[in-house]
N, C-alpha and C. Protein backbone atom coordinates (compact mmCIF):
# COMPACT_ATOMS: atom_id res chain seq x y z
N MET A 1 38.72 4.40 89.11
CA MET A 1 38.10 4.59 90.40
C MET A 1 38.01 6.09 90.72
N THR A 2 39.07 6.81 90.40
CA THR A 2 39.08 8.25 90.63
C THR A 2 37.98 8.92 89.81
N LEU A 3 37.86 8.53 88.57
CA LEU A 3 36.81 9.09 87.70
C LEU A 3 35.42 8.86 88.31
N LEU A 4 35.17 7.67 88.78
CA LEU A 4 33.89 7.35 89.40
C LEU A 4 33.63 8.25 90.60
N LEU A 5 34.57 8.32 91.50
CA LEU A 5 34.37 9.08 92.74
C LEU A 5 34.30 10.59 92.49
N GLU A 6 35.15 11.09 91.59
CA GLU A 6 35.10 12.53 91.28
C GLU A 6 33.80 12.90 90.56
N ASP A 7 33.35 12.05 89.66
CA ASP A 7 32.10 12.34 88.94
C ASP A 7 30.89 12.30 89.88
N TYR A 8 30.87 11.35 90.80
CA TYR A 8 29.77 11.33 91.77
C TYR A 8 29.82 12.57 92.66
N GLN A 9 31.02 12.98 93.04
CA GLN A 9 31.16 14.19 93.85
C GLN A 9 30.61 15.41 93.08
N GLN A 10 30.96 15.53 91.82
CA GLN A 10 30.45 16.64 91.00
C GLN A 10 28.94 16.55 90.85
N TYR A 11 28.42 15.34 90.67
CA TYR A 11 26.98 15.14 90.55
C TYR A 11 26.27 15.61 91.83
N PHE A 12 26.76 15.18 92.98
CA PHE A 12 26.16 15.59 94.25
C PHE A 12 26.26 17.10 94.46
N THR A 13 27.38 17.68 94.10
CA THR A 13 27.56 19.12 94.25
C THR A 13 26.58 19.88 93.36
N GLN A 14 26.38 19.39 92.13
CA GLN A 14 25.43 20.03 91.23
C GLN A 14 24.00 19.90 91.76
N LEU A 15 23.65 18.73 92.28
CA LEU A 15 22.32 18.56 92.86
C LEU A 15 22.10 19.52 94.03
N THR A 16 23.12 19.69 94.86
CA THR A 16 23.03 20.59 96.01
C THR A 16 22.78 22.02 95.53
N THR A 17 23.52 22.44 94.52
CA THR A 17 23.35 23.79 93.97
C THR A 17 21.96 23.96 93.37
N ASP A 18 21.52 22.99 92.60
CA ASP A 18 20.20 23.07 91.98
C ASP A 18 19.09 23.09 93.02
N LEU A 19 19.22 22.29 94.06
CA LEU A 19 18.20 22.24 95.11
C LEU A 19 18.05 23.57 95.82
N ALA A 20 19.16 24.24 96.05
CA ALA A 20 19.14 25.52 96.77
C ALA A 20 18.30 26.57 96.04
N GLN A 21 18.08 26.39 94.75
CA GLN A 21 17.32 27.35 93.95
C GLN A 21 15.87 26.94 93.76
N GLN A 22 15.46 25.83 94.38
CA GLN A 22 14.09 25.34 94.22
C GLN A 22 13.24 25.71 95.43
N PRO A 23 11.92 25.74 95.23
CA PRO A 23 11.03 25.97 96.38
C PRO A 23 11.06 24.75 97.32
N PRO A 24 10.53 24.90 98.52
CA PRO A 24 10.49 23.77 99.47
C PRO A 24 9.79 22.55 98.87
N LEU A 25 10.20 21.38 99.35
CA LEU A 25 9.66 20.11 98.87
C LEU A 25 8.85 19.43 99.97
N SER A 26 7.63 19.04 99.65
CA SER A 26 6.84 18.19 100.54
C SER A 26 7.37 16.75 100.39
N ALA A 27 6.83 15.84 101.17
CA ALA A 27 7.23 14.44 101.04
C ALA A 27 6.94 13.93 99.63
N ASP A 28 5.76 14.23 99.11
CA ASP A 28 5.41 13.80 97.74
C ASP A 28 6.31 14.46 96.71
N ASP A 29 6.63 15.74 96.92
CA ASP A 29 7.54 16.45 96.02
C ASP A 29 8.92 15.80 96.04
N PHE A 30 9.38 15.41 97.23
CA PHE A 30 10.69 14.78 97.34
C PHE A 30 10.72 13.45 96.59
N ILE A 31 9.67 12.65 96.74
CA ILE A 31 9.61 11.38 96.01
C ILE A 31 9.63 11.63 94.50
N ALA A 32 8.87 12.60 94.05
CA ALA A 32 8.85 12.93 92.62
C ALA A 32 10.23 13.43 92.17
N TRP A 33 10.87 14.24 92.99
CA TRP A 33 12.20 14.76 92.66
C TRP A 33 13.22 13.62 92.55
N MET A 34 13.21 12.71 93.52
CA MET A 34 14.14 11.57 93.49
C MET A 34 13.86 10.65 92.30
N THR A 35 12.60 10.49 91.96
CA THR A 35 12.24 9.68 90.81
C THR A 35 12.78 10.31 89.53
N THR A 36 12.65 11.62 89.42
CA THR A 36 13.20 12.35 88.27
C THR A 36 14.72 12.26 88.26
N GLN A 37 15.35 12.40 89.43
CA GLN A 37 16.80 12.31 89.51
C GLN A 37 17.30 10.93 89.11
N THR A 38 16.53 9.91 89.42
CA THR A 38 16.90 8.55 89.02
C THR A 38 16.94 8.43 87.50
N ARG A 39 15.91 8.96 86.84
CA ARG A 39 15.90 8.94 85.37
C ARG A 39 17.07 9.75 84.82
N GLN A 40 17.27 10.94 85.35
CA GLN A 40 18.35 11.80 84.85
C GLN A 40 19.73 11.19 85.09
N LEU A 41 19.91 10.54 86.22
CA LEU A 41 21.19 9.89 86.49
C LEU A 41 21.47 8.81 85.44
N ILE A 42 20.46 8.03 85.11
CA ILE A 42 20.63 6.97 84.11
C ILE A 42 20.86 7.56 82.72
N GLU A 43 20.07 8.56 82.35
CA GLU A 43 20.17 9.14 81.00
C GLU A 43 21.41 10.01 80.80
N GLU A 44 21.74 10.81 81.79
CA GLU A 44 22.80 11.82 81.61
C GLU A 44 24.15 11.42 82.17
N HIS A 45 24.20 10.36 82.95
CA HIS A 45 25.46 9.94 83.58
C HIS A 45 25.67 8.43 83.41
N SER A 46 25.47 7.95 82.21
CA SER A 46 25.52 6.50 81.99
C SER A 46 26.90 5.91 82.28
N VAL A 47 27.96 6.64 81.98
CA VAL A 47 29.30 6.12 82.28
C VAL A 47 29.48 6.00 83.79
N LEU A 48 29.01 6.99 84.50
CA LEU A 48 29.11 6.99 85.96
C LEU A 48 28.39 5.78 86.57
N ILE A 49 27.17 5.54 86.14
CA ILE A 49 26.43 4.43 86.75
C ILE A 49 26.98 3.07 86.31
N ARG A 50 27.53 3.01 85.12
CA ARG A 50 28.14 1.74 84.68
C ARG A 50 29.45 1.48 85.43
N LEU A 51 30.23 2.52 85.67
CA LEU A 51 31.43 2.36 86.49
C LEU A 51 31.06 1.94 87.91
N ASN A 52 30.01 2.53 88.43
CA ASN A 52 29.58 2.19 89.77
C ASN A 52 29.16 0.72 89.87
N ALA A 53 28.56 0.20 88.81
CA ALA A 53 28.12 -1.19 88.80
C ALA A 53 29.29 -2.17 88.87
N ILE A 54 30.49 -1.74 88.46
CA ILE A 54 31.66 -2.62 88.49
C ILE A 54 32.69 -2.18 89.54
N ARG A 55 32.32 -1.24 90.38
CA ARG A 55 33.24 -0.70 91.38
C ARG A 55 33.86 -1.79 92.24
N GLY A 56 33.06 -2.53 92.95
CA GLY A 56 33.57 -3.54 93.88
C GLY A 56 34.32 -4.68 93.20
N PRO A 57 33.68 -5.34 92.23
CA PRO A 57 34.32 -6.52 91.67
C PRO A 57 35.49 -6.25 90.74
N ILE A 58 35.60 -5.05 90.15
CA ILE A 58 36.65 -4.81 89.16
C ILE A 58 37.53 -3.62 89.51
N LEU A 59 36.93 -2.46 89.69
CA LEU A 59 37.73 -1.23 89.84
C LEU A 59 38.62 -1.21 91.07
N GLU A 60 38.09 -1.65 92.21
CA GLU A 60 38.88 -1.58 93.43
C GLU A 60 40.14 -2.44 93.37
N GLY A 61 40.10 -3.51 92.62
CA GLY A 61 41.27 -4.39 92.52
C GLY A 61 42.47 -3.73 91.87
N LYS A 62 42.23 -2.69 91.09
CA LYS A 62 43.32 -2.02 90.39
C LYS A 62 43.55 -0.60 90.91
N ALA A 63 42.78 -0.18 91.89
CA ALA A 63 42.85 1.21 92.37
C ALA A 63 43.92 1.37 93.45
N ASN A 64 44.41 2.60 93.56
CA ASN A 64 45.32 2.98 94.64
C ASN A 64 44.47 3.22 95.88
N MET A 65 44.76 2.49 96.96
CA MET A 65 43.91 2.56 98.14
C MET A 65 43.91 3.96 98.77
N GLN A 66 45.06 4.57 98.94
CA GLN A 66 45.09 5.88 99.59
C GLN A 66 44.38 6.95 98.76
N GLU A 67 44.57 6.90 97.45
CA GLU A 67 43.87 7.84 96.57
C GLU A 67 42.35 7.61 96.63
N THR A 68 41.96 6.35 96.67
CA THR A 68 40.53 6.03 96.75
C THR A 68 39.95 6.53 98.06
N ILE A 69 40.65 6.34 99.16
CA ILE A 69 40.17 6.82 100.45
C ILE A 69 40.03 8.34 100.44
N THR A 70 41.01 9.03 99.89
CA THR A 70 40.95 10.49 99.80
C THR A 70 39.74 10.93 98.98
N GLN A 71 39.51 10.28 97.85
CA GLN A 71 38.36 10.61 97.00
C GLN A 71 37.04 10.26 97.68
N ARG A 72 37.01 9.15 98.41
CA ARG A 72 35.78 8.79 99.12
C ARG A 72 35.46 9.80 100.21
N GLU A 73 36.48 10.31 100.87
CA GLU A 73 36.24 11.34 101.89
C GLU A 73 35.64 12.59 101.27
N ALA A 74 36.14 12.99 100.11
CA ALA A 74 35.57 14.16 99.41
C ALA A 74 34.13 13.87 98.97
N LEU A 75 33.89 12.67 98.47
CA LEU A 75 32.54 12.29 98.07
C LEU A 75 31.61 12.27 99.28
N TYR A 76 32.09 11.78 100.39
CA TYR A 76 31.28 11.73 101.61
C TYR A 76 30.88 13.14 102.05
N ARG A 77 31.81 14.08 101.99
CA ARG A 77 31.49 15.47 102.34
C ARG A 77 30.44 16.04 101.38
N ALA A 78 30.58 15.77 100.08
CA ALA A 78 29.60 16.25 99.10
C ALA A 78 28.24 15.62 99.39
N SER A 79 28.22 14.35 99.77
CA SER A 79 26.98 13.66 100.11
C SER A 79 26.34 14.28 101.36
N GLN A 80 27.15 14.61 102.33
CA GLN A 80 26.62 15.25 103.54
C GLN A 80 26.03 16.62 103.23
N HIS A 81 26.69 17.39 102.37
CA HIS A 81 26.16 18.70 101.98
C HIS A 81 24.82 18.55 101.25
N LEU A 82 24.74 17.57 100.37
CA LEU A 82 23.49 17.30 99.67
C LEU A 82 22.40 16.91 100.66
N GLY A 83 22.73 16.03 101.59
CA GLY A 83 21.77 15.63 102.60
C GLY A 83 21.30 16.81 103.44
N GLN A 84 22.23 17.69 103.80
CA GLN A 84 21.86 18.87 104.59
C GLN A 84 20.96 19.81 103.79
N GLN A 85 21.25 19.96 102.50
CA GLN A 85 20.40 20.81 101.66
C GLN A 85 18.99 20.22 101.58
N LEU A 86 18.88 18.91 101.53
CA LEU A 86 17.56 18.28 101.52
C LEU A 86 16.83 18.47 102.85
N VAL A 87 17.56 18.46 103.95
CA VAL A 87 16.94 18.75 105.25
C VAL A 87 16.28 20.13 105.19
N ILE A 88 17.01 21.09 104.64
CA ILE A 88 16.50 22.47 104.52
C ILE A 88 15.31 22.51 103.56
N GLN A 89 15.47 21.91 102.38
CA GLN A 89 14.43 21.97 101.34
C GLN A 89 13.13 21.28 101.75
N THR A 90 13.24 20.29 102.64
CA THR A 90 12.05 19.52 103.03
C THR A 90 11.58 19.87 104.44
N ASP A 91 12.15 20.89 105.03
CA ASP A 91 11.81 21.29 106.39
C ASP A 91 11.92 20.11 107.36
N HIS A 92 13.07 19.43 107.28
CA HIS A 92 13.42 18.35 108.23
C HIS A 92 12.56 17.10 108.08
N LEU A 93 12.20 16.78 106.87
CA LEU A 93 11.45 15.54 106.61
C LEU A 93 12.23 14.33 107.13
N LEU A 94 13.53 14.32 106.87
CA LEU A 94 14.48 13.32 107.37
C LEU A 94 15.70 14.06 107.87
N ASP A 95 16.64 13.34 108.49
CA ASP A 95 17.87 14.00 108.87
C ASP A 95 18.91 13.85 107.75
N GLN A 96 19.99 14.57 107.88
CA GLN A 96 21.02 14.59 106.84
C GLN A 96 21.53 13.20 106.50
N SER A 97 21.80 12.40 107.50
CA SER A 97 22.33 11.06 107.29
C SER A 97 21.34 10.19 106.50
N GLN A 98 20.07 10.30 106.83
CA GLN A 98 19.06 9.51 106.12
C GLN A 98 18.97 9.93 104.65
N PHE A 99 18.97 11.25 104.41
CA PHE A 99 18.94 11.71 103.02
C PHE A 99 20.17 11.24 102.26
N SER A 100 21.34 11.40 102.86
CA SER A 100 22.58 10.98 102.19
C SER A 100 22.54 9.49 101.86
N HIS A 101 22.05 8.70 102.80
CA HIS A 101 22.00 7.25 102.59
C HIS A 101 21.06 6.87 101.45
N LEU A 102 20.01 7.65 101.23
CA LEU A 102 19.07 7.33 100.16
C LEU A 102 19.74 7.34 98.79
N PHE A 103 20.79 8.13 98.61
CA PHE A 103 21.50 8.14 97.33
C PHE A 103 22.33 6.87 97.14
N ILE A 104 22.75 6.27 98.23
CA ILE A 104 23.43 4.97 98.15
C ILE A 104 22.42 3.90 97.73
N ILE A 105 21.22 3.97 98.31
CA ILE A 105 20.15 3.04 97.94
C ILE A 105 19.80 3.21 96.47
N GLN A 106 19.65 4.47 96.04
CA GLN A 106 19.34 4.75 94.63
C GLN A 106 20.40 4.12 93.73
N SER A 107 21.64 4.31 94.08
CA SER A 107 22.75 3.76 93.29
C SER A 107 22.70 2.24 93.26
N GLY A 108 22.39 1.62 94.39
CA GLY A 108 22.29 0.17 94.45
C GLY A 108 21.16 -0.37 93.58
N ILE A 109 20.04 0.32 93.59
CA ILE A 109 18.91 -0.09 92.75
C ILE A 109 19.30 -0.04 91.28
N ILE A 110 19.89 1.07 90.88
CA ILE A 110 20.28 1.23 89.48
C ILE A 110 21.35 0.21 89.10
N SER A 111 22.38 0.04 89.93
CA SER A 111 23.45 -0.91 89.62
C SER A 111 22.93 -2.33 89.50
N GLY A 112 22.05 -2.71 90.41
CA GLY A 112 21.48 -4.06 90.35
C GLY A 112 20.68 -4.28 89.08
N LEU A 113 19.88 -3.30 88.71
CA LEU A 113 19.08 -3.44 87.50
C LEU A 113 19.96 -3.45 86.24
N ILE A 114 21.00 -2.63 86.23
CA ILE A 114 21.91 -2.62 85.08
C ILE A 114 22.55 -3.99 84.90
N ASN A 115 22.99 -4.59 86.00
CA ASN A 115 23.65 -5.88 85.91
C ASN A 115 22.72 -6.99 85.43
N MET A 116 21.43 -6.83 85.63
CA MET A 116 20.48 -7.85 85.21
C MET A 116 19.77 -7.49 83.90
N ALA A 117 20.02 -6.30 83.38
CA ALA A 117 19.26 -5.81 82.22
C ALA A 117 19.66 -6.43 80.89
N ALA A 118 20.76 -7.11 80.83
CA ALA A 118 21.24 -7.59 79.54
C ALA A 118 21.19 -9.11 79.42
N LEU A 119 20.23 -9.74 80.03
CA LEU A 119 20.16 -11.19 79.99
C LEU A 119 19.72 -11.73 78.63
N THR A 120 19.24 -10.86 77.76
CA THR A 120 18.86 -11.31 76.41
C THR A 120 19.95 -10.99 75.39
N SER A 121 21.13 -10.64 75.89
CA SER A 121 22.26 -10.43 74.99
C SER A 121 23.51 -11.04 75.62
N PHE A 122 24.53 -11.20 74.78
CA PHE A 122 25.80 -11.74 75.26
C PHE A 122 26.92 -10.93 74.63
N ASN A 123 27.76 -10.35 75.46
CA ASN A 123 28.89 -9.55 74.98
C ASN A 123 28.41 -8.49 73.98
N HIS A 124 27.33 -7.81 74.32
CA HIS A 124 26.73 -6.72 73.54
C HIS A 124 26.08 -7.18 72.22
N HIS A 125 25.84 -8.46 72.08
CA HIS A 125 25.16 -8.99 70.90
C HIS A 125 23.81 -9.55 71.33
N LYS A 126 22.76 -9.14 70.64
CA LYS A 126 21.41 -9.61 70.93
C LYS A 126 21.33 -11.10 70.61
N LEU A 127 20.82 -11.88 71.54
CA LEU A 127 20.64 -13.31 71.33
C LEU A 127 19.41 -13.56 70.45
N SER A 128 19.42 -14.63 69.73
CA SER A 128 18.30 -14.94 68.83
C SER A 128 17.20 -15.70 69.57
N VAL A 129 17.19 -15.60 70.86
CA VAL A 129 16.15 -16.23 71.67
C VAL A 129 15.33 -15.14 72.34
N ASP A 130 14.15 -15.52 72.77
CA ASP A 130 13.28 -14.55 73.43
C ASP A 130 13.08 -14.97 74.88
N TYR A 131 13.48 -14.09 75.79
CA TYR A 131 13.29 -14.32 77.22
C TYR A 131 12.48 -13.15 77.80
N PRO A 132 11.19 -13.10 77.53
CA PRO A 132 10.41 -11.94 77.97
C PRO A 132 10.45 -11.72 79.48
N ASP A 133 10.55 -12.78 80.26
CA ASP A 133 10.59 -12.61 81.71
C ASP A 133 11.92 -12.04 82.19
N PHE A 134 12.93 -12.03 81.33
CA PHE A 134 14.25 -11.49 81.69
C PHE A 134 14.41 -10.04 81.26
N GLU A 135 13.46 -9.51 80.54
CA GLU A 135 13.58 -8.13 80.05
C GLU A 135 13.42 -7.13 81.20
N ILE A 136 14.33 -6.17 81.26
CA ILE A 136 14.26 -5.09 82.23
C ILE A 136 14.28 -3.78 81.46
N ARG A 137 13.29 -2.97 81.71
CA ARG A 137 13.25 -1.62 81.14
C ARG A 137 13.86 -0.71 82.21
N LEU A 138 15.12 -0.41 82.06
CA LEU A 138 15.93 0.18 83.13
C LEU A 138 15.32 1.43 83.75
N ILE A 139 15.01 2.42 82.96
CA ILE A 139 14.54 3.69 83.54
C ILE A 139 13.20 3.53 84.26
N PRO A 140 12.16 3.01 83.60
CA PRO A 140 10.89 2.92 84.34
C PRO A 140 10.96 2.00 85.55
N GLU A 141 11.72 0.93 85.46
CA GLU A 141 11.79 0.01 86.60
C GLU A 141 12.63 0.59 87.73
N ALA A 142 13.70 1.31 87.42
CA ALA A 142 14.49 1.97 88.46
C ALA A 142 13.65 3.05 89.14
N GLN A 143 12.89 3.80 88.35
CA GLN A 143 12.02 4.83 88.93
C GLN A 143 10.94 4.19 89.82
N GLN A 144 10.36 3.11 89.37
CA GLN A 144 9.33 2.42 90.14
C GLN A 144 9.91 1.93 91.47
N GLN A 145 11.09 1.32 91.42
CA GLN A 145 11.70 0.79 92.63
C GLN A 145 12.06 1.90 93.63
N ILE A 146 12.59 3.01 93.14
CA ILE A 146 12.93 4.11 94.05
C ILE A 146 11.67 4.71 94.65
N ARG A 147 10.62 4.81 93.85
CA ARG A 147 9.34 5.34 94.35
C ARG A 147 8.78 4.43 95.44
N TYR A 148 8.76 3.12 95.21
CA TYR A 148 8.27 2.16 96.21
C TYR A 148 9.11 2.27 97.49
N TYR A 149 10.41 2.28 97.31
CA TYR A 149 11.31 2.33 98.47
C TYR A 149 11.07 3.60 99.29
N LEU A 150 11.05 4.74 98.61
CA LEU A 150 10.89 6.03 99.31
C LEU A 150 9.53 6.14 100.00
N THR A 151 8.50 5.67 99.35
CA THR A 151 7.16 5.74 99.94
C THR A 151 7.13 5.01 101.29
N GLN A 152 7.66 3.81 101.30
CA GLN A 152 7.68 3.04 102.55
C GLN A 152 8.68 3.63 103.55
N TYR A 153 9.83 4.04 103.07
CA TYR A 153 10.86 4.61 103.94
C TYR A 153 10.32 5.84 104.67
N LEU A 154 9.66 6.73 103.93
CA LEU A 154 9.13 7.93 104.56
C LEU A 154 8.02 7.61 105.56
N LYS A 155 7.22 6.58 105.29
CA LYS A 155 6.20 6.17 106.26
C LYS A 155 6.85 5.76 107.58
N GLU A 156 7.96 5.06 107.48
CA GLU A 156 8.61 4.52 108.68
C GLU A 156 9.52 5.52 109.39
N PHE A 157 10.19 6.41 108.63
CA PHE A 157 11.26 7.19 109.24
C PHE A 157 11.11 8.70 109.18
N SER A 158 10.06 9.19 108.56
CA SER A 158 9.90 10.63 108.44
C SER A 158 9.78 11.28 109.81
N HIS A 159 10.41 12.43 109.95
CA HIS A 159 10.38 13.18 111.21
C HIS A 159 9.14 14.05 111.32
N LYS A 160 8.29 14.03 110.32
CA LYS A 160 7.06 14.85 110.34
C LYS A 160 5.86 14.00 110.61
C-alpha cells in the first residue's frame, strides 16, 4: 500500500514539475495532454496501475491504517499541487479540485479496463477459445474513454 501511495505521489509531483515548464494549455491541449498521460501511465507505470487495481479488495486488508492515512494525506497534497499547476497552465479552465479529481477518474478508467482486459486468459495463460467481444486493447481504449469523458466534462464544467 505504501509503494502504491508513494509512487502515485512521485508521479503527481513529476507531472507538476513537467507542467510548469510547458506553454499554456487550451482546452483541446489539455485533453490531448491527459490522453498522452493516460498512455504514459499505462506504459511507464504498469506496476503502479496494477497495484491500484487491487487497492481496495486486496491491499487495504493487509495495510497499516495509520501509515496509509499518512501516505494518503501526502498524496492528496501532491494531487492538489498538480491541480493548482493545471489551473495556472490552463488559465483557470477548471478549478484545482476539479483538475485533481480528474486524475481519480483517469485511474478508475484504467483500473476498470485492466480488470476486464484478461477475459481471454486464465491465471496468465491464454485460453484456447476465441472471445472477440471480450478483447480490450488497454491503451487505445483507455485513451478513448478519457478523451470522451474530458470532452463532455469540459462542456459542462469549464469556467471559460
